Amino acid sequence: MNEMTNRQEDLLAALGQSIHPVSGQALAKQLGVTRQVVVHDIALLRAMGHRILATPKGYLIQSTQSVQTALVAVSHKPEQTPTELNIFVDCGLRVIDVRVEHRVYGEIVANLYLSSRRDVEHFLAKIQSERAPFLSSLTGGIHYHLVEFDHADQLTDAIAQLRSAGIVVID
């Protein structure tokens, strides 16, 4: 039951060839199946131990390269979100996810995988078009971002810029 089908191998190969997220629709078209089949195969591949992320822009194989990560706790008003995210990516950080600690549901995590201003713009446009609230609206603005970076000075610079922009960084 744990054997991979040819289609699942092709799906992994397609994801492995891209450094950017690939939409479920694009994968479905490439494989000649429906998007729902792709979603099902992704779930099976994850169950087999493959580290596949679902981002707002599509699927991505999680990097295994040696990068540094940090969980950055922040608090700000919703209108400061573009500034916050652009500071992260401008400093060379990759925003992997956003997290909140909800009093009823516990930790809620949403994958973002933002690494450029274009990614940020796309994410914010999707939030606006769907009229979706930011997760931080559940916690009065307090939230966390898991970020990746190559050099510690990138994180130090981002934190300094966030504070200069009036965004509270919680130690």
C-alpha atoms as a PDB file:
ATOM      1  CA  MET A   1       0.000   0.000   0.000  1.00  0.00           C
ATOM      2  CA  ASN A   2       3.002   2.312   0.470  1.00  0.00           C
ATOM      3  CA  GLU A   3       4.217   1.841  -3.096  1.00  0.00           C
ATOM      4  CA  MET A   4       4.330   4.942  -5.205  1.00  0.00           C
ATOM      5  CA  THR A   5       2.462   4.997  -8.521  1.00  0.00           C
ATOM      6  CA  ASN A   6       4.045   6.266 -11.741  1.00  0.00           C
ATOM      7  CA  ARG A   7       1.806   9.336 -11.533  1.00  0.00           C
ATOM      8  CA  GLN A   8       3.006  10.089  -7.994  1.00  0.00           C
ATOM      9  CA  GLU A   9       6.621   9.682  -9.153  1.00  0.00           C
ATOM     10  CA  ASP A  10       5.885  12.122 -11.992  1.00  0.00           C
ATOM     11  CA  LEU A  11       4.292  14.521  -9.506  1.00  0.00           C
ATOM     12  CA  LEU A  12       7.377  14.427  -7.269  1.00  0.00           C
ATOM     13  CA  ALA A  13       9.612  14.916 -10.303  1.00  0.00           C
ATOM     14  CA  ALA A  14       7.598  17.963 -11.414  1.00  0.00           C
ATOM     15  CA  LEU A  15       7.840  19.495  -7.942  1.00  0.00           C
ATOM     16  CA  GLY A  16      11.523  18.624  -7.695  1.00  0.00           C
ATOM     17  CA  GLN A  17      12.284  20.492 -10.915  1.00  0.00           C
ATOM     18  CA  SER A  18      10.880  23.774  -9.617  1.00  0.00           C
ATOM     19  CA  ILE A  19      12.313  26.100  -7.007  1.00  0.00           C
ATOM     20  CA  HIS A  20       9.009  27.997  -6.984  1.00  0.00           C
ATOM     21  CA  PRO A  21       5.571  26.765  -5.883  1.00  0.00           C
ATOM     22  CA  VAL A  22       3.590  24.970  -8.600  1.00  0.00           C
ATOM     23  CA  SER A  23      -0.183  25.340  -8.595  1.00  0.00           C
ATOM     24  CA  GLY A  24      -2.400  22.291  -8.265  1.00  0.00           C
ATOM     25  CA  GLN A  25      -4.058  23.264 -11.539  1.00  0.00           C
ATOM     26  CA  ALA A  26      -0.709  23.383 -13.378  1.00  0.00           C
ATOM     27  CA  LEU A  27       0.270  19.995 -11.952  1.00  0.00           C
ATOM     28  CA  ALA A  28      -3.108  18.533 -12.944  1.00  0.00           C
ATOM     29  CA  LYS A  29      -2.705  19.794 -16.506  1.00  0.00           C
ATOM     30  CA  GLN A  30       0.861  18.470 -16.739  1.00  0.00           C
ATOM     31  CA  LEU A  31      -0.195  15.036 -15.454  1.00  0.00           C
ATOM     32  CA  GLY A  32      -3.492  14.879 -17.368  1.00  0.00           C
ATOM     33  CA  VAL A  33      -5.639  14.494 -14.247  1.00  0.00           C
ATOM     34  CA  THR A  34      -8.002  16.637 -12.205  1.00  0.00           C
ATOM     35  CA  ARG A  35      -6.822  18.987  -9.477  1.00  0.00           C
ATOM     36  CA  GLN A  36      -8.575  16.762  -6.933  1.00  0.00           C
ATOM     37  CA  VAL A  37      -6.398  13.815  -8.010  1.00  0.00           C
ATOM     38  CA  VAL A  38      -3.319  15.985  -7.420  1.00  0.00           C
ATOM     39  CA  VAL A  39      -4.592  16.931  -3.945  1.00  0.00           C
ATOM     40  CA  HIS A  40      -5.175  13.248  -3.162  1.00  0.00           C
ATOM     41  CA  ASP A  41      -1.721  12.233  -4.436  1.00  0.00           C
ATOM     42  CA  ILE A  42      -0.071  15.026  -2.426  1.00  0.00           C
ATOM     43  CA  ALA A  43      -1.783  13.696   0.719  1.00  0.00           C
ATOM     44  CA  LEU A  44      -0.560  10.164  -0.020  1.00  0.00           C
ATOM     45  CA  LEU A  45       2.987  11.381  -0.707  1.00  0.00           C
ATOM     46  CA  ARG A  46       2.997  13.290   2.574  1.00  0.00           C
ATOM     47  CA  ALA A  47       1.822  10.135   4.359  1.00  0.00           C
ATOM     48  CA  MET A  48       4.833   8.352   2.814  1.00  0.00           C
ATOM     49  CA  GLY A  49       7.117  10.966   4.389  1.00  0.00           C
ATOM     50  CA  HIS A  50       7.689  13.400   1.528  1.00  0.00           C
ATOM     51  CA  ARG A  51       7.923  16.974   2.787  1.00  0.00           C
ATOM     52  CA  ILE A  52       5.561  18.866   0.484  1.00  0.00           C
ATOM     53  CA  LEU A  53       4.372  22.329   1.475  1.00  0.00           C
ATOM     54  CA  ALA A  54       1.067  23.829   0.378  1.00  0.00           C
ATOM     55  CA  THR A  55       1.510  27.575  -0.109  1.00  0.00           C
ATOM     56  CA  PRO A  56      -0.882  30.244  -1.409  1.00  0.00           C
ATOM     57  CA  LYS A  57       0.878  29.946  -4.784  1.00  0.00           C
ATOM     58  CA  GLY A  58       0.976  26.159  -4.988  1.00  0.00           C
ATOM     59  CA  TYR A  59       2.961  23.131  -3.865  1.00  0.00           C
ATOM     60  CA  LEU A  60       6.652  23.057  -3.080  1.00  0.00           C
ATOM     61  CA  ILE A  61       9.047  20.406  -1.837  1.00  0.00           C
ATOM     62  CA  GLN A  62      10.413  21.603   1.488  1.00  0.00           C
ATOM     63  CA  SER A  63      14.074  22.444   1.309  1.00  0.00           C
ATOM     64  CA  THR A  64      16.512  20.227   3.155  1.00  0.00           C
ATOM     65  CA  GLN A  65      19.472  22.549   2.650  1.00  0.00           C
ATOM     66  CA  SER A  66      21.197  23.953   5.706  1.00  0.00           C
ATOM     67  CA  VAL A  67      19.541  27.285   6.432  1.00  0.00           C
ATOM     68  CA  GLN A  68      18.906  29.063   9.684  1.00  0.00           C
ATOM     69  CA  THR A  69      15.390  29.574  10.992  1.00  0.00           C
ATOM     70  CA  ALA A  70      13.823  31.738  13.649  1.00  0.00           C
ATOM     71  CA  LEU A  71      10.357  32.247  15.032  1.00  0.00           C
ATOM     72  CA  VAL A  72       9.727  35.993  15.196  1.00  0.00           C
ATOM     73  CA  ALA A  73       6.904  37.231  17.429  1.00  0.00           C
ATOM     74  CA  VAL A  74       5.335  40.511  16.340  1.00  0.00           C
ATOM     75  CA  SER A  75       2.323  42.685  17.007  1.00  0.00           C
ATOM     76  CA  HIS A  76       0.915  45.353  14.719  1.00  0.00           C
ATOM     77  CA  LYS A  77      -2.214  46.733  13.078  1.00  0.00           C
ATOM     78  CA  PRO A  78      -3.514  45.002   9.918  1.00  0.00           C
ATOM     79  CA  GLU A  79      -2.566  47.977   7.744  1.00  0.00           C
ATOM     80  CA  GLN A  80       1.097  47.456   8.725  1.00  0.00           C
ATOM     81  CA  THR A  81       1.161  43.942   7.230  1.00  0.00           C
ATOM     82  CA  PRO A  82       2.573  45.004   3.828  1.00  0.00           C
ATOM     83  CA  THR A  83       5.370  46.915   5.584  1.00  0.00           C
ATOM     84  CA  GLU A  84       6.142  43.954   7.850  1.00  0.00           C
ATOM     85  CA  LEU A  85       6.284  41.365   5.074  1.00  0.00           C
ATOM     86  CA  ASN A  86       8.256  43.606   2.707  1.00  0.00           C
ATOM     87  CA  ILE A  87      10.843  44.301   5.420  1.00  0.00           C
ATOM     88  CA  PHE A  88      11.344  40.561   5.879  1.00  0.00           C
ATOM     89  CA  VAL A  89      11.847  39.822   2.181  1.00  0.00           C
ATOM     90  CA  ASP A  90      13.886  43.001   1.530  1.00  0.00           C
ATOM     91  CA  CYS A  91      16.319  41.835   4.218  1.00  0.00           C
ATOM     92  CA  GLY A  92      16.686  38.491   2.439  1.00  0.00           C
ATOM     93  CA  LEU A  93      14.474  36.431   4.750  1.00  0.00           C
ATOM     94  CA  ARG A  94      11.943  33.910   3.514  1.00  0.00           C
ATOM     95  CA  VAL A  95       8.639  34.038   5.394  1.00  0.00           C
ATOM     96  CA  ILE A  96       7.695  30.365   5.695  1.00  0.00           C
ATOM     97  CA  ASP A  97       4.472  30.727   7.657  1.00  0.00           C
ATOM     98  CA  VAL A  98       2.324  32.779   9.993  1.00  0.00           C
ATOM     99  CA  ARG A  99       1.135  31.400  13.356  1.00  0.00           C
ATOM    100  CA  VAL A 100      -1.207  32.468  16.096  1.00  0.00           C
ATOM    101  CA  GLU A 101      -1.971  31.010  19.497  1.00  0.00           C
ATOM    102  CA  HIS A 102      -5.759  30.877  19.717  1.00  0.00           C
ATOM    103  CA  ARG A 103      -7.409  30.461  23.128  1.00  0.00           C
ATOM    104  CA  VAL A 104      -9.787  27.776  21.853  1.00  0.00           C
ATOM    105  CA  TYR A 105      -8.054  26.129  18.889  1.00  0.00           C
ATOM    106  CA  GLY A 106      -4.459  26.325  20.080  1.00  0.00           C
ATOM    107  CA  GLU A 107      -1.785  26.954  17.474  1.00  0.00           C
ATOM    108  CA  ILE A 108      -3.044  27.803  13.991  1.00  0.00           C
ATOM    109  CA  VAL A 109      -0.416  27.781  11.222  1.00  0.00           C
ATOM    110  CA  ALA A 110      -0.757  28.955   7.625  1.00  0.00           C
ATOM    111  CA  ASN A 111       2.019  28.350   5.092  1.00  0.00           C
ATOM    112  CA  LEU A 112       3.084  31.462   3.193  1.00  0.00           C
ATOM    113  CA  TYR A 113       6.537  30.860   1.670  1.00  0.00           C
ATOM    114  CA  LEU A 114       7.140  34.475   0.661  1.00  0.00           C
ATOM    115  CA  SER A 115      10.594  35.398  -0.593  1.00  0.00           C
ATOM    116  CA  SER A 116      10.094  38.528  -2.724  1.00  0.00           C
ATOM    117  CA  ARG A 117       8.028  41.683  -2.951  1.00  0.00           C
ATOM    118  CA  ARG A 118       6.132  40.036  -5.798  1.00  0.00           C
ATOM    119  CA  ASP A 119       5.210  37.122  -3.513  1.00  0.00           C
ATOM    120  CA  VAL A 120       4.046  39.592  -0.855  1.00  0.00           C
ATOM    121  CA  GLU A 121       1.986  41.516  -3.404  1.00  0.00           C
ATOM    122  CA  HIS A 122       0.365  38.298  -4.650  1.00  0.00           C
ATOM    123  CA  PHE A 123      -0.458  37.180  -1.095  1.00  0.00           C
ATOM    124  CA  LEU A 124      -1.962  40.540  -0.130  1.00  0.00           C
ATOM    125  CA  ALA A 125      -4.009  40.665  -3.351  1.00  0.00           C
ATOM    126  CA  LYS A 126      -5.405  37.223  -2.563  1.00  0.00           C
ATOM    127  CA  ILE A 127      -6.288  38.291   0.988  1.00  0.00           C
ATOM    128  CA  GLN A 128      -8.088  41.332  -0.409  1.00  0.00           C
ATOM    129  CA  SER A 129      -9.896  39.525  -3.241  1.00  0.00           C
ATOM    130  CA  GLU A 130     -11.126  36.792  -0.887  1.00  0.00           C
ATOM    131  CA  ARG A 131     -11.918  39.334   1.834  1.00  0.00           C
ATOM    132  CA  ALA A 132     -10.067  37.024   4.200  1.00  0.00           C
ATOM    133  CA  PRO A 133      -9.019  38.374   7.585  1.00  0.00           C
ATOM    134  CA  PHE A 134      -5.405  38.122   8.666  1.00  0.00           C
ATOM    135  CA  LEU A 135      -4.850  35.364  11.247  1.00  0.00           C
ATOM    136  CA  SER A 136      -3.533  38.042  13.595  1.00  0.00           C
ATOM    137  CA  SER A 137      -7.065  39.467  13.785  1.00  0.00           C
ATOM    138  CA  LEU A 138      -7.881  36.464  16.002  1.00  0.00           C
ATOM    139  CA  THR A 139      -5.289  37.500  18.577  1.00  0.00           C
ATOM    140  CA  GLY A 140      -5.402  41.295  18.648  1.00  0.00           C
ATOM    141  CA  GLY A 141      -2.462  41.615  16.269  1.00  0.00           C
ATOM    142  CA  ILE A 142      -0.050  39.254  18.020  1.00  0.00           C
ATOM    143  CA  HIS A 143       1.367  36.590  15.703  1.00  0.00           C
ATOM    144  CA  TYR A 144       4.541  34.731  14.796  1.00  0.00           C
ATOM    145  CA  HIS A 145       6.435  34.165  11.575  1.00  0.00           C
ATOM    146  CA  LEU A 146       8.767  31.271  10.939  1.00  0.00           C
ATOM    147  CA  VAL A 147      11.505  32.756   8.776  1.00  0.00           C
ATOM    148  CA  GLU A 148      14.524  31.291   7.009  1.00  0.00           C
ATOM    149  CA  PHE A 149      17.752  33.154   6.358  1.00  0.00           C
ATOM    150  CA  ASP A 150      21.316  32.509   5.308  1.00  0.00           C
ATOM    151  CA  HIS A 151      23.137  34.933   7.626  1.00  0.00           C
ATOM    152  CA  ALA A 152      22.281  36.065  11.166  1.00  0.00           C
ATOM    153  CA  ASP A 153      22.780  39.722  10.213  1.00  0.00           C
ATOM    154  CA  GLN A 154      19.760  39.447   7.890  1.00  0.00           C
ATOM    155  CA  LEU A 155      17.533  38.654  10.870  1.00  0.00           C
ATOM    156  CA  THR A 156      19.144  41.364  13.022  1.00  0.00           C
ATOM    157  CA  ASP A 157      18.612  43.930  10.253  1.00  0.00           C
ATOM    158  CA  ALA A 158      14.979  42.887   9.732  1.00  0.00           C
ATOM    159  CA  ILE A 159      14.177  43.179  13.445  1.00  0.00           C
ATOM    160  CA  ALA A 160      15.753  46.652  13.599  1.00  0.00           C
ATOM    161  CA  GLN A 161      13.759  47.778  10.547  1.00  0.00           C
ATOM    162  CA  LEU A 162      10.513  46.339  11.933  1.00  0.00           C
ATOM    163  CA  ARG A 163      10.999  48.283  15.159  1.00  0.00           C
ATOM    164  CA  SER A 164      11.850  51.469  13.215  1.00  0.00           C
ATOM    165  CA  ALA A 165       8.587  51.039  11.291  1.00  0.00           C
ATOM    166  CA  GLY A 166       6.589  50.917  14.535  1.00  0.00           C
ATOM    167  CA  ILE A 167       6.039  47.164  14.517  1.00  0.00           C
ATOM    168  CA  VAL A 168       6.430  45.616  17.951  1.00  0.00           C
ATOM    169  CA  VAL A 169       8.893  42.713  17.998  1.00  0.00           C
ATOM    170  CA  ILE A 170       8.326  40.615  21.093  1.00  0.00           C
ATOM    171  CA  ASP A 171      11.465  39.172  22.678  1.00  0.00           C
END
